[in-house]
Each structure stands twice: as structure tokens, then as C-alpha cells.
């Protein structure tokens, strides 16, 4: 068994910190779907968006 593999995932890829290039529209980029080729290569990231919608009930 290859030492660099664990559960089918490349350990080197797991150790790289996530990066987003400065100056890009993060919202638009993070909503972009991965292509079939990227998915086949494992070159994609699942993105979950959490939004807090506060309502002030005192008014």
C-alpha cells in the first residue's frame, strides 16, 4: 500500500492549506460548479454556506 494514500485520498493534498486568490469575487467563485473532469480528478471542494438571519423581535 502506498504510504501517501489513506482511504483513497492523497495525504499531500490534505496537508496543503486552502487558498483563494486575492481580488476575486469569492461568492461567485465559491458557487461555481466543478466540471466532470475536475470531479474525476478529485480537484474540487464541497462548499457549505451558513447565513444568520437575525430578526429583532423587540421592535
PDB file of N, CA and C in Angstrom:
ATOM      1  N   UNK A   1       0.847  -1.191   0.000  1.00  0.00           N
ATOM      2  CA  UNK A   1       0.000   0.000   0.000  1.00  0.00           C
ATOM      3  C   UNK A   1       0.883   1.241   0.000  1.00  0.00           C
ATOM      4  N   UNK A   2       0.512   2.213  -0.776  1.00  0.00           N
ATOM      5  CA  UNK A   2       1.268   3.449  -0.890  1.00  0.00           C
ATOM      6  C   UNK A   2       1.167   4.249   0.410  1.00  0.00           C
ATOM      7  N   UNK A   3       2.328   4.685   0.939  1.00  0.00           N
ATOM      8  CA  UNK A   3       2.351   5.447   2.193  1.00  0.00           C
ATOM      9  C   UNK A   3       1.644   6.795   2.061  1.00  0.00           C
ATOM     10  N   UNK A   4       1.590   7.347   0.840  1.00  0.00           N
ATOM     11  CA  UNK A   4       0.982   8.656   0.636  1.00  0.00           C
ATOM     12  C   UNK A   4      -0.532   8.594   0.467  1.00  0.00           C
ATOM     13  N   UNK A   5      -1.091   7.403   0.506  1.00  0.00           N
ATOM     14  CA  UNK A   5      -2.537   7.263   0.325  1.00  0.00           C
ATOM     15  C   UNK A   5      -3.174   6.818   1.628  1.00  0.00           C
ATOM     16  N   UNK A   6      -4.339   7.355   1.919  1.00  0.00           N
ATOM     17  CA  UNK A   6      -5.092   6.941   3.097  1.00  0.00           C
ATOM     18  C   UNK A   6      -6.560   7.057   2.734  1.00  0.00           C
ATOM     19  N   UNK A   7      -7.252   5.946   2.716  1.00  0.00           N
ATOM     20  CA  UNK A   7      -8.664   5.981   2.375  1.00  0.00           C
ATOM     21  C   UNK A   7      -8.919   6.515   0.981  1.00  0.00           C
ATOM     22  N   UNK A   8      -7.967   6.324   0.054  1.00  0.00           N
ATOM     23  CA  UNK A   8      -8.136   6.793  -1.309  1.00  0.00           C
ATOM     24  C   UNK A   8      -7.822   8.267  -1.498  1.00  0.00           C
ATOM     25  N   UNK A   9      -7.445   8.972  -0.461  1.00  0.00           N
ATOM     26  CA  UNK A   9      -7.151  10.396  -0.582  1.00  0.00           C
ATOM     27  C   UNK A   9      -5.648  10.631  -0.472  1.00  0.00           C
ATOM     28  N   UNK A  10      -5.167  11.554  -1.236  1.00  0.00           N
ATOM     29  CA  UNK A  10      -3.752  11.891  -1.240  1.00  0.00           C
ATOM     30  C   UNK A  10      -3.433  12.736  -0.007  1.00  0.00           C
ATOM     31  N   UNK A  11      -2.538  12.241   0.862  1.00  0.00           N
ATOM     32  CA  UNK A  11      -2.202  12.961   2.096  1.00  0.00           C
ATOM     33  C   UNK A  11      -1.567  14.314   1.812  1.00  0.00           C
ATOM     34  N   UNK A  12      -0.787  14.396   0.736  1.00  0.00           N
ATOM     35  CA  UNK A  12      -0.158  15.675   0.406  1.00  0.00           C
ATOM     36  C   UNK A  12      -1.223  16.734   0.150  1.00  0.00           C
ATOM     37  N   UNK A  13      -2.262  16.367  -0.579  1.00  0.00           N
ATOM     38  CA  UNK A  13      -3.335  17.313  -0.874  1.00  0.00           C
ATOM     39  C   UNK A  13      -4.043  17.735   0.413  1.00  0.00           C
ATOM     40  N   UNK A  14      -4.204  16.811   1.366  1.00  0.00           N
ATOM     41  CA  UNK A  14      -4.870  17.123   2.624  1.00  0.00           C
ATOM     42  C   UNK A  14      -4.063  18.125   3.446  1.00  0.00           C
ATOM     43  N   UNK A  15      -2.744  18.117   3.315  1.00  0.00           N
ATOM     44  CA  UNK A  15      -1.885  18.962   4.132  1.00  0.00           C
ATOM     45  C   UNK A  15      -1.732  20.370   3.568  1.00  0.00           C
ATOM     46  N   UNK A  16      -2.117  20.590   2.309  1.00  0.00           N
ATOM     47  CA  UNK A  16      -1.996  21.916   1.713  1.00  0.00           C
ATOM     48  C   UNK A  16      -3.091  22.819   2.267  1.00  0.00           C
ATOM     49  N   UNK A  17      -2.728  24.030   2.713  1.00  0.00           N
ATOM     50  CA  UNK A  17      -3.761  24.931   3.244  1.00  0.00           C
ATOM     51  C   UNK A  17      -4.668  25.420   2.111  1.00  0.00           C
ATOM     52  N   UNK A  18      -5.949  25.648   2.391  1.00  0.00           N
ATOM     53  CA  UNK A  18      -6.846  26.157   1.355  1.00  0.00           C
ATOM     54  C   UNK A  18      -6.456  27.577   0.971  1.00  0.00           C
ATOM     55  N   UNK A  19      -6.610  27.914  -0.290  1.00  0.00           N
ATOM     56  CA  UNK A  19      -6.247  29.252  -0.754  1.00  0.00           C
ATOM     57  C   UNK A  19      -7.323  29.805  -1.675  1.00  0.00           C
ATOM     58  N   UNK A  20      -7.486  31.094  -1.629  1.00  0.00           N
ATOM     59  CA  UNK A  20      -8.343  31.817  -2.559  1.00  0.00           C
ATOM     60  C   UNK A  20      -7.544  33.028  -2.998  1.00  0.00           C
ATOM     61  N   UNK A  21      -7.437  33.215  -4.298  1.00  0.00           N
ATOM     62  CA  UNK A  21      -6.645  34.324  -4.820  1.00  0.00           C
ATOM     63  C   UNK A  21      -7.265  35.657  -4.421  1.00  0.00           C
ATOM     64  N   UNK A  22      -6.439  36.628  -4.013  1.00  0.00           N
ATOM     65  CA  UNK A  22      -6.978  37.939  -3.653  1.00  0.00           C
ATOM     66  C   UNK A  22      -7.565  38.633  -4.881  1.00  0.00           C
ATOM     67  N   UNK A  23      -8.627  39.378  -4.660  1.00  0.00           N
ATOM     68  CA  UNK A  23      -9.206  40.149  -5.749  1.00  0.00           C
ATOM     69  C   UNK A  23     -10.296  39.443  -6.528  1.00  0.00           C
ATOM     70  N   UNK A  24     -10.544  38.173  -6.247  1.00  0.00           N
ATOM     71  CA  UNK A  24     -11.622  37.501  -6.958  1.00  0.00           C
ATOM     72  C   UNK A  24     -12.923  37.674  -6.186  1.00  0.00           C
ATOM     73  N   UNK A  25     -14.022  37.519  -6.870  1.00  0.00           N
ATOM     74  CA  UNK A  25     -15.331  37.597  -6.220  1.00  0.00           C
ATOM     75  C   UNK A  25     -15.569  36.253  -5.542  1.00  0.00           C
ATOM     76  N   UNK A  26     -15.275  36.190  -4.248  1.00  0.00           N
ATOM     77  CA  UNK A  26     -15.358  34.929  -3.508  1.00  0.00           C
ATOM     78  C   UNK A  26     -16.718  34.264  -3.647  1.00  0.00           C
ATOM     79  N   UNK A  27     -17.782  35.031  -3.513  1.00  0.00           N
ATOM     80  CA  UNK A  27     -19.129  34.478  -3.576  1.00  0.00           C
ATOM     81  C   UNK A  27     -19.373  33.795  -4.917  1.00  0.00           C
ATOM     82  N   UNK A  28     -19.031  34.484  -5.993  1.00  0.00           N
ATOM     83  CA  UNK A  28     -19.234  33.929  -7.335  1.00  0.00           C
ATOM     84  C   UNK A  28     -18.356  32.700  -7.550  1.00  0.00           C
ATOM     85  N   UNK A  29     -17.100  32.778  -7.160  1.00  0.00           N
ATOM     86  CA  UNK A  29     -16.173  31.662  -7.354  1.00  0.00           C
ATOM     87  C   UNK A  29     -16.594  30.433  -6.557  1.00  0.00           C
ATOM     88  N   UNK A  30     -17.051  30.640  -5.323  1.00  0.00           N
ATOM     89  CA  UNK A  30     -17.420  29.510  -4.481  1.00  0.00           C
ATOM     90  C   UNK A  30     -18.721  28.852  -4.923  1.00  0.00           C
ATOM     91  N   UNK A  31     -19.543  29.550  -5.670  1.00  0.00           N
ATOM     92  CA  UNK A  31     -20.796  28.980  -6.181  1.00  0.00           C
ATOM     93  C   UNK A  31     -20.605  28.242  -7.499  1.00  0.00           C
ATOM     94  N   UNK A  32     -19.447  28.400  -8.117  1.00  0.00           N
ATOM     95  CA  UNK A  32     -19.184  27.767  -9.407  1.00  0.00           C
ATOM     96  C   UNK A  32     -19.091  26.252  -9.237  1.00  0.00           C
ATOM     97  N   UNK A  33     -19.794  25.512 -10.076  1.00  0.00           N
ATOM     98  CA  UNK A  33     -19.798  24.051 -10.013  1.00  0.00           C
ATOM     99  C   UNK A  33     -18.511  23.497 -10.622  1.00  0.00           C
ATOM    100  N   UNK A  34     -18.044  22.390 -10.068  1.00  0.00           N
ATOM    101  CA  UNK A  34     -16.874  21.709 -10.622  1.00  0.00           C
ATOM    102  C   UNK A  34     -17.282  20.991 -11.904  1.00  0.00           C
ATOM    103  N   UNK A  35     -16.366  20.942 -12.868  1.00  0.00           N
ATOM    104  CA  UNK A  35     -16.645  20.218 -14.110  1.00  0.00           C
ATOM    105  C   UNK A  35     -16.533  18.717 -13.857  1.00  0.00           C
ATOM    106  N   UNK A  36     -17.031  17.917 -14.782  1.00  0.00           N
ATOM    107  CA  UNK A  36     -16.932  16.458 -14.656  1.00  0.00           C
ATOM    108  C   UNK A  36     -15.470  16.024 -14.597  1.00  0.00           C
ATOM    109  N   UNK A  37     -14.615  16.716 -15.353  1.00  0.00           N
ATOM    110  CA  UNK A  37     -13.185  16.386 -15.359  1.00  0.00           C
ATOM    111  C   UNK A  37     -12.560  16.682 -13.999  1.00  0.00           C
ATOM    112  N   UNK A  38     -12.909  17.819 -13.409  1.00  0.00           N
ATOM    113  CA  UNK A  38     -12.381  18.169 -12.087  1.00  0.00           C
ATOM    114  C   UNK A  38     -12.845  17.170 -11.035  1.00  0.00           C
ATOM    115  N   UNK A  39     -14.096  16.769 -11.108  1.00  0.00           N
ATOM    116  CA  UNK A  39     -14.622  15.782 -10.166  1.00  0.00           C
ATOM    117  C   UNK A  39     -13.901  14.453 -10.335  1.00  0.00           C
ATOM    118  N   UNK A  40     -13.659  14.038 -11.580  1.00  0.00           N
ATOM    119  CA  UNK A  40     -12.953  12.776 -11.846  1.00  0.00           C
ATOM    120  C   UNK A  40     -11.541  12.803 -11.270  1.00  0.00           C
ATOM    121  N   UNK A  41     -10.887  13.981 -11.300  1.00  0.00           N
ATOM    122  CA  UNK A  41      -9.530  14.123 -10.749  1.00  0.00           C
ATOM    123  C   UNK A  41      -9.544  14.325  -9.238  1.00  0.00           C
ATOM    124  N   UNK A  42     -10.709  14.565  -8.664  1.00  0.00           N
ATOM    125  CA  UNK A  42     -10.784  14.872  -7.233  1.00  0.00           C
ATOM    126  C   UNK A  42     -10.388  16.309  -6.946  1.00  0.00           C
ATOM    127  N   UNK A  43     -10.416  17.150  -7.977  1.00  0.00           N
ATOM    128  CA  UNK A  43      -9.986  18.544  -7.870  1.00  0.00           C
ATOM    129  C   UNK A  43     -11.197  19.452  -7.652  1.00  0.00           C
ATOM    130  N   UNK A  44     -11.830  19.290  -6.499  1.00  0.00           N
ATOM    131  CA  UNK A  44     -12.991  20.104  -6.168  1.00  0.00           C
ATOM    132  C   UNK A  44     -13.124  20.172  -4.656  1.00  0.00           C
ATOM    133  N   UNK A  45     -13.892  21.118  -4.186  1.00  0.00           N
ATOM    134  CA  UNK A  45     -14.120  21.293  -2.759  1.00  0.00           C
ATOM    135  C   UNK A  45     -15.609  21.478  -2.520  1.00  0.00           C
ATOM    136  N   UNK A  46     -16.149  20.759  -1.553  1.00  0.00           N
ATOM    137  CA  UNK A  46     -17.545  20.945  -1.178  1.00  0.00           C
ATOM    138  C   UNK A  46     -17.628  22.238  -0.369  1.00  0.00           C
ATOM    139  N   UNK A  47     -18.513  23.131  -0.775  1.00  0.00           N
ATOM    140  CA  UNK A  47     -18.668  24.418  -0.107  1.00  0.00           C
ATOM    141  C   UNK A  47     -20.040  24.468   0.549  1.00  0.00           C
ATOM    142  N   UNK A  48     -20.053  24.811   1.820  1.00  0.00           N
ATOM    143  CA  UNK A  48     -21.297  24.964   2.569  1.00  0.00           C
ATOM    144  C   UNK A  48     -21.385  26.416   3.016  1.00  0.00           C
ATOM    145  N   UNK A  49     -22.514  27.046   2.778  1.00  0.00           N
ATOM    146  CA  UNK A  49     -22.709  28.438   3.162  1.00  0.00           C
ATOM    147  C   UNK A  49     -23.670  28.501   4.337  1.00  0.00           C
ATOM    148  N   UNK A  50     -23.263  29.200   5.364  1.00  0.00           N
ATOM    149  CA  UNK A  50     -24.092  29.390   6.547  1.00  0.00           C
ATOM    150  C   UNK A  50     -24.460  30.865   6.631  1.00  0.00           C
ATOM    151  N   UNK A  51     -25.749  31.146   6.694  1.00  0.00           N
ATOM    152  CA  UNK A  51     -26.209  32.530   6.785  1.00  0.00           C
ATOM    153  C   UNK A  51     -27.049  32.692   8.038  1.00  0.00           C
ATOM    154  N   UNK A  52     -26.763  33.728   8.803  1.00  0.00           N
ATOM    155  CA  UNK A  52     -27.511  34.025  10.013  1.00  0.00           C
ATOM    156  C   UNK A  52     -28.473  35.168   9.701  1.00  0.00           C
ATOM    157  N   UNK A  53     -29.751  34.888   9.808  1.00  0.00           N
ATOM    158  CA  UNK A  53     -30.778  35.881   9.531  1.00  0.00           C
ATOM    159  C   UNK A  53     -31.398  36.291  10.861  1.00  0.00           C
ATOM    160  N   UNK A  54     -30.945  37.412  11.393  1.00  0.00           N
ATOM    161  CA  UNK A  54     -31.419  37.871  12.697  1.00  0.00           C
ATOM    162  C   UNK A  54     -32.649  38.756  12.539  1.00  0.00           C
ATOM    163  N   UNK A  55     -33.617  38.510  13.379  1.00  0.00           N
ATOM    164  CA  UNK A  55     -34.820  39.336  13.411  1.00  0.00           C
ATOM    165  C   UNK A  55     -34.939  39.891  14.822  1.00  0.00           C
ATOM    166  N   UNK A  56     -35.018  41.208  14.915  1.00  0.00           N
ATOM    167  CA  UNK A  56     -35.151  41.859  16.218  1.00  0.00           C
ATOM    168  C   UNK A  56     -36.633  41.896  16.581  1.00  0.00           C
ATOM    169  N   UNK A  57     -37.051  41.044  17.501  1.00  0.00           N
ATOM    170  CA  UNK A  57     -38.466  40.949  17.862  1.00  0.00           C
ATOM    171  C   UNK A  57     -38.901  42.041  18.842  1.00  0.00           C
ATOM    172  N   UNK A  58     -37.975  42.874  19.308  1.00  0.00           N
ATOM    173  CA  UNK A  58     -38.319  43.909  20.282  1.00  0.00           C
ATOM    174  C   UNK A  58     -38.941  45.144  19.638  1.00  0.00           C
ATOM    175  N   UNK A  59     -38.925  45.253  18.302  1.00  0.00           N
ATOM    176  CA  UNK A  59     -39.491  46.459  17.683  1.00  0.00           C
ATOM    177  C   UNK A  59     -40.838  46.219  17.075  1.00  0.00           C
TER     178      UNK A  59
END
